[in-house]
Amino acid sequence: MPVELRDYRPADQSGLIALWRAADLLVNPLNDPETDIRFCLESGHGQIIVGEEDGRIVASAMLGHDGHRGWIYYVATDPERRIAGLGRRIMNAAEDRLKAQGVPKVELLVRDSNYQAIGFYQRIGYVVEPRALLSKRLDDIAVPMGGATTDDDVVITFLEMSERPSVPRVEPKIPIALLRAKAPTTAFYHYLYDAVGRPWYWTDRKAYSDEQLAAVIQDERVEIYVLHADGVPAGFFELDRRQAPTVDLAYFGIMPDFIGKRLGPYLLGTAIEMAWEGGTARFTVNTCTLDHPAALPMYQRYGFKPYDRRRVPPPWRRGDTSTYENG
């Protein structure tokens, strides 16, 4: 029986939420699907299209407009039916609804590390636009950024090791490749920096001009290694040898979609081994309470020892972008 595209009905709620869960759309614990469905339908300009097959919800799209442009959310297809063209069909139906209302442009929000989704939307005519997305909660829910709350001071911990440690070998769960990015373009570096650092409030390098940034990342004494997993970038680390024989792990991180796949321990172990090549006498790193909560324990587990701590206000309270991350 072919998939029927139709308007959402109240009896669809449990099946729709089950689809969203199977499609990994319910990753943000602050988003309650029942509330989102109700809010959409009661807003006066929102609607939900579902695809039904043999009594089962296998596709969905939530859509609406803000009086200026259209938005589409909760685009989902049954993971077992993704090669059947359902995604394209549900998006075409959503676009047709918005066009019929006179909406001139439609926009989407996609995590920039979700390459599969971005690729799908590009294939059906969407383009990535250079925009900064800002948000503010109006429901008084305090949202942690990294390991800190909005009221916490940021604690920076500076660590060092003075001799080469015995590094434990950890094998990733997925196929990987590690490549050095020699003299990378500023555009590529900005992509890496933002994809890894956005959840942890990495801001320092965003304040650099292209000329300032290029002077650092294209210096032959600065080594940038990009980890690829299943063929796509998954993280990177940056070794700064400009103060040799002291080497600094200026940046290190895994993109959010790849956290939990044993890539962090593998990448840190590799960074340590490479840092100690070429007459290194001291290896340093710093982390802070905006970072992933596992960062400091992992650095210590691999042989780094704290030698200093500093407490500073968070950047959203100070109104500036003082140094909170490595660099």
Protein backbone atom coordinates (compact mmCIF):
# COMPACT_ATOMS: atom_id res chain seq x y z
CA MET A 1 0.00 0.00 0.00
CA PRO A 2 1.54 3.39 -0.98
CA VAL A 3 2.37 6.00 1.64
CA GLU A 4 -0.45 8.52 2.07
CA LEU A 5 0.50 12.09 2.96
CA ARG A 6 -2.19 13.78 5.04
CA ASP A 7 -2.81 16.22 7.89
CA TYR A 8 -1.98 15.19 11.43
CA ARG A 9 -4.82 13.82 13.60
CA PRO A 10 -4.88 13.64 17.43
CA ALA A 11 -4.79 9.83 17.24
CA ASP A 12 -1.39 10.08 15.48
CA GLN A 13 0.45 11.48 18.51
CA SER A 14 2.04 8.31 19.88
CA GLY A 15 3.01 7.07 16.43
CA LEU A 16 4.46 10.45 15.48
CA ILE A 17 6.56 10.68 18.63
CA ALA A 18 7.77 7.10 18.09
CA LEU A 19 8.89 8.11 14.58
CA TRP A 20 10.75 11.15 15.91
CA ARG A 21 12.47 8.98 18.48
CA ALA A 22 13.49 6.39 15.88
CA ALA A 23 14.84 9.20 13.65
CA ASP A 24 16.95 10.62 16.54
CA LEU A 25 15.11 13.94 16.58
CA LEU A 26 14.50 13.95 20.33
CA VAL A 27 18.10 14.60 21.38
CA ASN A 28 17.41 17.83 23.29
CA PRO A 29 15.85 17.02 26.69
CA LEU A 30 14.37 20.53 26.85
CA ASN A 31 12.16 19.81 23.84
CA ASP A 32 8.99 18.00 24.90
CA PRO A 33 7.37 16.50 21.77
CA GLU A 34 3.81 16.60 23.13
CA THR A 35 4.22 20.28 24.00
CA ASP A 36 5.74 21.03 20.60
CA ILE A 37 2.83 19.34 18.79
CA ARG A 38 0.24 21.20 20.83
CA PHE A 39 2.02 24.55 20.51
CA CYS A 40 2.34 24.15 16.75
CA LEU A 41 -1.32 23.33 16.18
CA GLU A 42 -2.64 25.96 18.59
CA SER A 43 -0.45 28.75 17.20
CA GLY A 44 -2.84 29.48 14.33
CA HIS A 45 -0.22 29.26 11.59
CA GLY A 46 1.39 25.86 12.20
CA GLN A 47 0.53 22.46 10.78
CA ILE A 48 1.90 18.95 10.65
CA ILE A 49 1.95 16.65 7.64
CA VAL A 50 2.36 12.92 8.24
CA GLY A 51 2.97 9.99 5.94
CA GLU A 52 0.95 6.88 6.79
CA GLU A 53 1.59 3.36 5.53
CA ASP A 54 -0.45 0.37 6.67
CA GLY A 55 -1.68 2.32 9.70
CA ARG A 56 1.83 3.38 10.75
CA ILE A 57 3.34 6.88 10.72
CA VAL A 58 6.48 6.68 8.57
CA ALA A 59 7.16 10.34 7.69
CA SER A 60 6.50 13.82 9.08
CA ALA A 61 7.09 17.53 8.66
CA MET A 62 6.03 20.35 10.98
CA LEU A 63 5.69 23.70 9.25
CA GLY A 64 4.58 27.26 9.79
CA HIS A 65 5.57 30.85 9.15
CA ASP A 66 6.42 33.92 11.21
CA GLY A 67 4.82 36.45 8.91
CA HIS A 68 8.08 36.90 7.02
CA ARG A 69 9.42 33.47 6.11
CA GLY A 70 8.45 29.83 6.42
CA TRP A 71 10.04 27.29 8.72
CA ILE A 72 10.05 23.50 8.59
CA TYR A 73 10.82 21.36 11.64
CA TYR A 74 10.67 17.72 12.69
CA VAL A 75 11.32 16.37 9.20
CA ALA A 76 11.54 12.63 9.74
CA THR A 77 11.28 9.40 7.82
CA ASP A 78 11.26 5.84 9.08
CA PRO A 79 14.94 4.75 9.14
CA GLU A 80 13.93 1.63 7.22
CA ARG A 81 12.31 3.68 4.44
CA ARG A 82 14.91 6.38 3.78
CA ILE A 83 15.77 5.09 0.31
CA ALA A 84 12.14 5.25 -0.82
CA GLY A 85 12.08 8.99 -1.54
CA LEU A 86 9.88 9.79 1.45
CA GLY A 87 12.05 12.67 2.62
CA ARG A 88 11.78 14.43 -0.73
CA ARG A 89 8.02 13.80 -0.87
CA ILE A 90 7.31 15.16 2.61
CA MET A 91 9.48 18.24 1.95
CA ASN A 92 7.76 18.90 -1.38
CA ALA A 93 4.39 18.71 0.37
CA ALA A 94 5.51 21.12 3.10
CA GLU A 95 6.91 23.58 0.55
CA ASP A 96 3.69 23.43 -1.49
CA ARG A 97 1.63 24.27 1.61
CA LEU A 98 3.84 27.28 2.41
CA LYS A 99 3.87 28.49 -1.20
CA ALA A 100 0.07 28.35 -1.28
CA GLN A 101 0.05 30.73 1.71
CA GLY A 102 2.23 33.22 -0.16
CA VAL A 103 5.41 32.49 1.81
CA PRO A 104 8.40 33.61 -0.34
CA LYS A 105 11.21 31.76 1.43
CA VAL A 106 11.60 28.74 3.68
CA GLU A 107 14.37 28.11 6.19
CA LEU A 108 15.61 25.16 8.24
CA LEU A 109 17.69 24.69 11.39
CA VAL A 110 20.17 21.81 11.14
CA ARG A 111 23.08 21.02 13.44
CA ASP A 112 26.20 21.84 11.43
CA SER A 113 27.72 18.47 12.33
CA ASN A 114 24.74 16.59 10.83
CA TYR A 115 26.35 16.13 7.42
CA GLN A 116 23.82 13.56 6.24
CA ALA A 117 20.89 15.92 6.76
CA ILE A 118 22.72 18.92 5.27
CA GLY A 119 23.60 16.86 2.21
CA PHE A 120 19.98 15.78 1.77
CA TYR A 121 18.68 19.35 1.91
CA GLN A 122 21.35 20.56 -0.49
CA ARG A 123 20.35 17.88 -2.99
CA ILE A 124 16.78 19.21 -3.01
CA GLY A 125 17.78 22.82 -3.56
CA TYR A 126 18.63 24.31 -0.15
CA VAL A 127 21.80 26.34 0.40
CA VAL A 128 23.86 26.94 3.53
CA GLU A 129 23.79 30.63 4.40
CA PRO A 130 26.46 32.44 6.50
CA ARG A 131 24.32 33.49 9.45
CA ALA A 132 24.89 33.53 13.22
CA LEU A 133 22.10 31.83 15.18
CA LEU A 134 21.41 33.39 18.57
CA SER A 135 18.83 32.33 21.11
CA LYS A 136 17.47 33.26 24.52
CA ARG A 137 15.15 31.23 26.74
CA LEU A 138 12.02 33.00 27.99
CA ASP A 139 10.81 30.19 30.28
CA ASP A 140 13.36 30.76 33.10
CA ILE A 141 15.03 27.39 32.50
CA ALA A 142 18.75 27.78 33.25
CA VAL A 143 20.66 26.03 30.49
CA PRO A 144 24.22 24.87 31.26
CA MET A 145 26.89 25.79 28.75
CA GLY A 146 29.49 23.05 28.84
CA GLY A 147 30.06 22.22 32.51
CA ALA A 148 28.94 25.57 33.95
CA THR A 149 25.62 27.26 34.65
CA THR A 150 24.87 30.84 33.67
CA ASP A 151 25.68 32.02 37.22
CA ASP A 152 28.99 30.23 37.65
CA ASP A 153 32.39 31.84 37.40
CA VAL A 154 34.59 30.07 34.88
CA VAL A 155 37.49 28.15 36.43
CA ILE A 156 40.47 27.71 34.09
CA THR A 157 42.84 24.88 34.96
CA PHE A 158 46.36 24.93 33.50
CA LEU A 159 48.09 21.55 33.21
CA GLU A 160 51.50 20.30 32.16
CA MET A 161 53.67 17.20 31.81
CA SER A 162 57.45 17.31 31.93
CA GLU A 163 58.25 13.84 30.63
CA ARG A 164 56.80 11.56 28.01
CA PRO A 165 54.12 9.33 29.55
CA SER A 166 53.12 5.80 28.70
CA VAL A 167 50.02 6.40 26.59
CA PRO A 168 47.23 3.80 26.71
CA ARG A 169 46.08 2.66 23.27
CA VAL A 170 42.35 2.99 22.67
CA GLU A 171 40.87 1.73 19.43
CA PRO A 172 37.88 3.68 18.05
CA LYS A 173 34.64 1.89 17.30
CA ILE A 174 34.45 3.16 13.72
CA PRO A 175 36.88 3.45 10.77
CA ILE A 176 39.10 6.51 11.19
CA ALA A 177 41.90 8.42 9.48
CA LEU A 178 44.10 11.20 10.87
CA LEU A 179 45.40 13.79 8.40
CA ARG A 180 47.51 16.89 8.93
CA ALA A 181 45.96 20.06 7.52
CA LYS A 182 49.05 21.92 6.32
CA ALA A 183 48.51 25.67 5.98
CA PRO A 184 44.70 25.31 6.09
CA THR A 185 42.48 28.06 4.75
CA THR A 186 40.82 30.29 7.32
CA ALA A 187 37.38 29.15 6.08
CA PHE A 188 38.20 25.49 6.74
CA TYR A 189 39.65 26.30 10.15
CA HIS A 190 36.58 28.34 11.12
CA TYR A 191 34.44 25.33 10.20
CA LEU A 192 36.51 22.96 12.38
CA TYR A 193 36.68 25.41 15.27
CA ASP A 194 32.94 26.07 15.30
CA ALA A 195 31.87 22.47 14.74
CA VAL A 196 33.96 21.26 17.69
CA GLY A 197 33.83 24.27 19.99
CA ARG A 198 30.35 25.75 19.72
CA PRO A 199 28.84 23.66 22.59
CA TRP A 200 31.75 24.65 24.87
CA TYR A 201 31.76 28.37 24.12
CA TRP A 202 34.97 28.57 22.11
CA THR A 203 35.17 32.24 21.13
CA ASP A 204 38.81 33.39 21.12
CA ARG A 205 39.66 32.62 17.51
CA LYS A 206 36.37 34.09 16.28
CA ALA A 207 37.67 37.52 17.26
CA TYR A 208 40.70 37.18 14.95
CA SER A 209 40.73 38.82 11.54
CA ASP A 210 41.48 36.47 8.63
CA GLU A 211 45.01 37.88 8.49
CA GLN A 212 45.59 37.31 12.22
CA LEU A 213 44.19 33.80 12.05
CA ALA A 214 46.18 32.85 8.96
CA ALA A 215 49.39 34.04 10.64
CA VAL A 216 48.82 31.45 13.38
CA ILE A 217 47.34 28.42 11.63
CA GLN A 218 49.62 28.65 8.59
CA ASP A 219 52.79 28.95 10.69
CA GLU A 220 54.91 25.85 10.07
CA ARG A 221 55.42 25.53 13.84
CA VAL A 222 51.66 25.09 14.36
CA GLU A 223 50.44 21.59 13.50
CA ILE A 224 46.72 20.91 12.94
CA TYR A 225 45.57 17.30 12.67
CA VAL A 226 42.03 16.49 11.57
CA LEU A 227 40.39 13.23 12.57
CA HIS A 228 38.07 11.72 9.96
CA ALA A 229 35.52 9.05 10.92
CA ASP A 230 33.60 7.17 8.26
CA GLY A 231 35.02 9.65 5.76
CA VAL A 232 33.92 12.93 7.40
CA PRO A 233 35.67 15.30 9.85
CA ALA A 234 35.02 14.24 13.45
CA GLY A 235 37.49 16.31 15.49
CA PHE A 236 40.93 17.89 15.53
CA PHE A 237 43.87 18.90 17.67
CA GLU A 238 46.37 21.72 17.32
CA LEU A 239 49.97 21.55 18.53
CA ASP A 240 51.70 24.90 18.97
CA ARG A 241 55.52 24.60 18.90
CA ARG A 242 56.24 28.33 18.69
CA GLN A 243 57.59 28.33 22.27
CA ALA A 244 59.72 25.16 21.86
CA PRO A 245 60.92 23.21 23.71
CA THR A 246 57.53 23.82 25.36
CA VAL A 247 54.67 22.54 23.21
CA ASP A 248 51.08 23.59 23.86
CA LEU A 249 47.97 21.59 23.01
CA ALA A 250 46.22 24.75 21.85
CA TYR A 251 42.94 23.09 20.81
CA PHE A 252 41.55 19.60 21.10
CA GLY A 253 38.05 18.29 20.64
CA ILE A 254 35.53 15.93 19.08
CA MET A 255 32.46 17.06 17.14
CA PRO A 256 29.22 16.46 19.10
CA ASP A 257 27.86 13.71 16.83
CA PHE A 258 31.00 11.62 17.42
CA ILE A 259 31.28 11.91 21.20
CA GLY A 260 30.90 8.52 22.88
CA LYS A 261 32.63 6.53 20.12
CA ARG A 262 36.02 6.33 21.92
CA LEU A 263 37.49 8.92 19.59
CA GLY A 264 38.48 11.37 22.35
CA PRO A 265 40.89 9.02 24.16
CA TYR A 266 42.34 7.86 20.85
CA LEU A 267 42.88 11.42 19.63
CA LEU A 268 44.39 12.64 22.90
CA GLY A 269 46.79 9.69 23.03
CA THR A 270 47.88 10.44 19.47
CA ALA A 271 48.33 14.14 20.26
CA ILE A 272 50.55 13.31 23.23
CA GLU A 273 52.73 10.95 21.18
CA MET A 274 53.18 13.54 18.43
CA ALA A 275 53.83 16.38 20.88
CA TRP A 276 56.82 14.60 22.37
CA GLU A 277 58.59 14.21 19.04
CA GLY A 278 61.44 16.61 18.25
CA GLY A 279 63.08 17.40 21.60
CA THR A 280 60.04 18.52 23.59
CA ALA A 281 60.78 19.31 27.25
CA ARG A 282 57.34 20.33 28.46
CA PHE A 283 53.79 19.77 27.16
CA THR A 284 50.95 22.05 28.32
CA VAL A 285 47.19 22.33 27.97
CA ASN A 286 44.42 24.26 29.66
CA THR A 287 40.74 23.55 30.11
CA CYS A 288 37.87 25.22 31.94
CA THR A 289 34.45 24.59 33.44
CA LEU A 290 32.77 25.50 30.15
CA ASP A 291 34.41 22.45 28.62
CA HIS A 292 33.03 18.90 28.48
CA PRO A 293 32.93 17.60 32.08
CA ALA A 294 35.10 14.64 31.10
CA ALA A 295 37.90 16.84 29.72
CA LEU A 296 39.82 17.59 32.93
CA PRO A 297 39.69 14.01 34.29
CA MET A 298 40.85 12.67 30.90
CA TYR A 299 43.81 15.06 30.74
CA GLN A 300 44.86 14.00 34.23
CA ARG A 301 44.37 10.33 33.43
CA TYR A 302 46.77 10.72 30.51
CA GLY A 303 49.50 12.28 32.65
CA PHE A 304 48.86 16.03 32.76
CA LYS A 305 49.18 17.64 36.20
CA PRO A 306 47.53 20.94 37.22
CA TYR A 307 49.97 23.74 38.03
CA ASP A 308 47.66 26.77 38.19
CA ARG A 309 43.99 27.76 38.33
CA ARG A 310 42.25 31.03 37.56
CA ARG A 311 38.66 32.09 38.21
CA VAL A 312 37.05 34.60 35.81
CA PRO A 313 33.49 35.72 35.06
CA PRO A 314 31.79 33.95 32.12
CA PRO A 315 31.85 35.87 28.84
CA TRP A 316 28.08 36.41 28.73
CA ARG A 317 28.36 38.21 32.10
CA ARG A 318 31.51 40.16 31.31
CA GLY A 319 30.36 41.12 27.83
CA ASP A 320 33.67 40.19 26.23
CA THR A 321 35.50 37.16 24.85
CA SER A 322 38.44 36.69 27.22
CA THR A 323 40.40 33.48 26.97
CA TYR A 324 38.40 30.51 28.26
CA GLU A 325 39.62 27.78 25.97
CA ASN A 326 43.09 26.67 24.93
CA GLY A 327 44.92 29.07 22.66
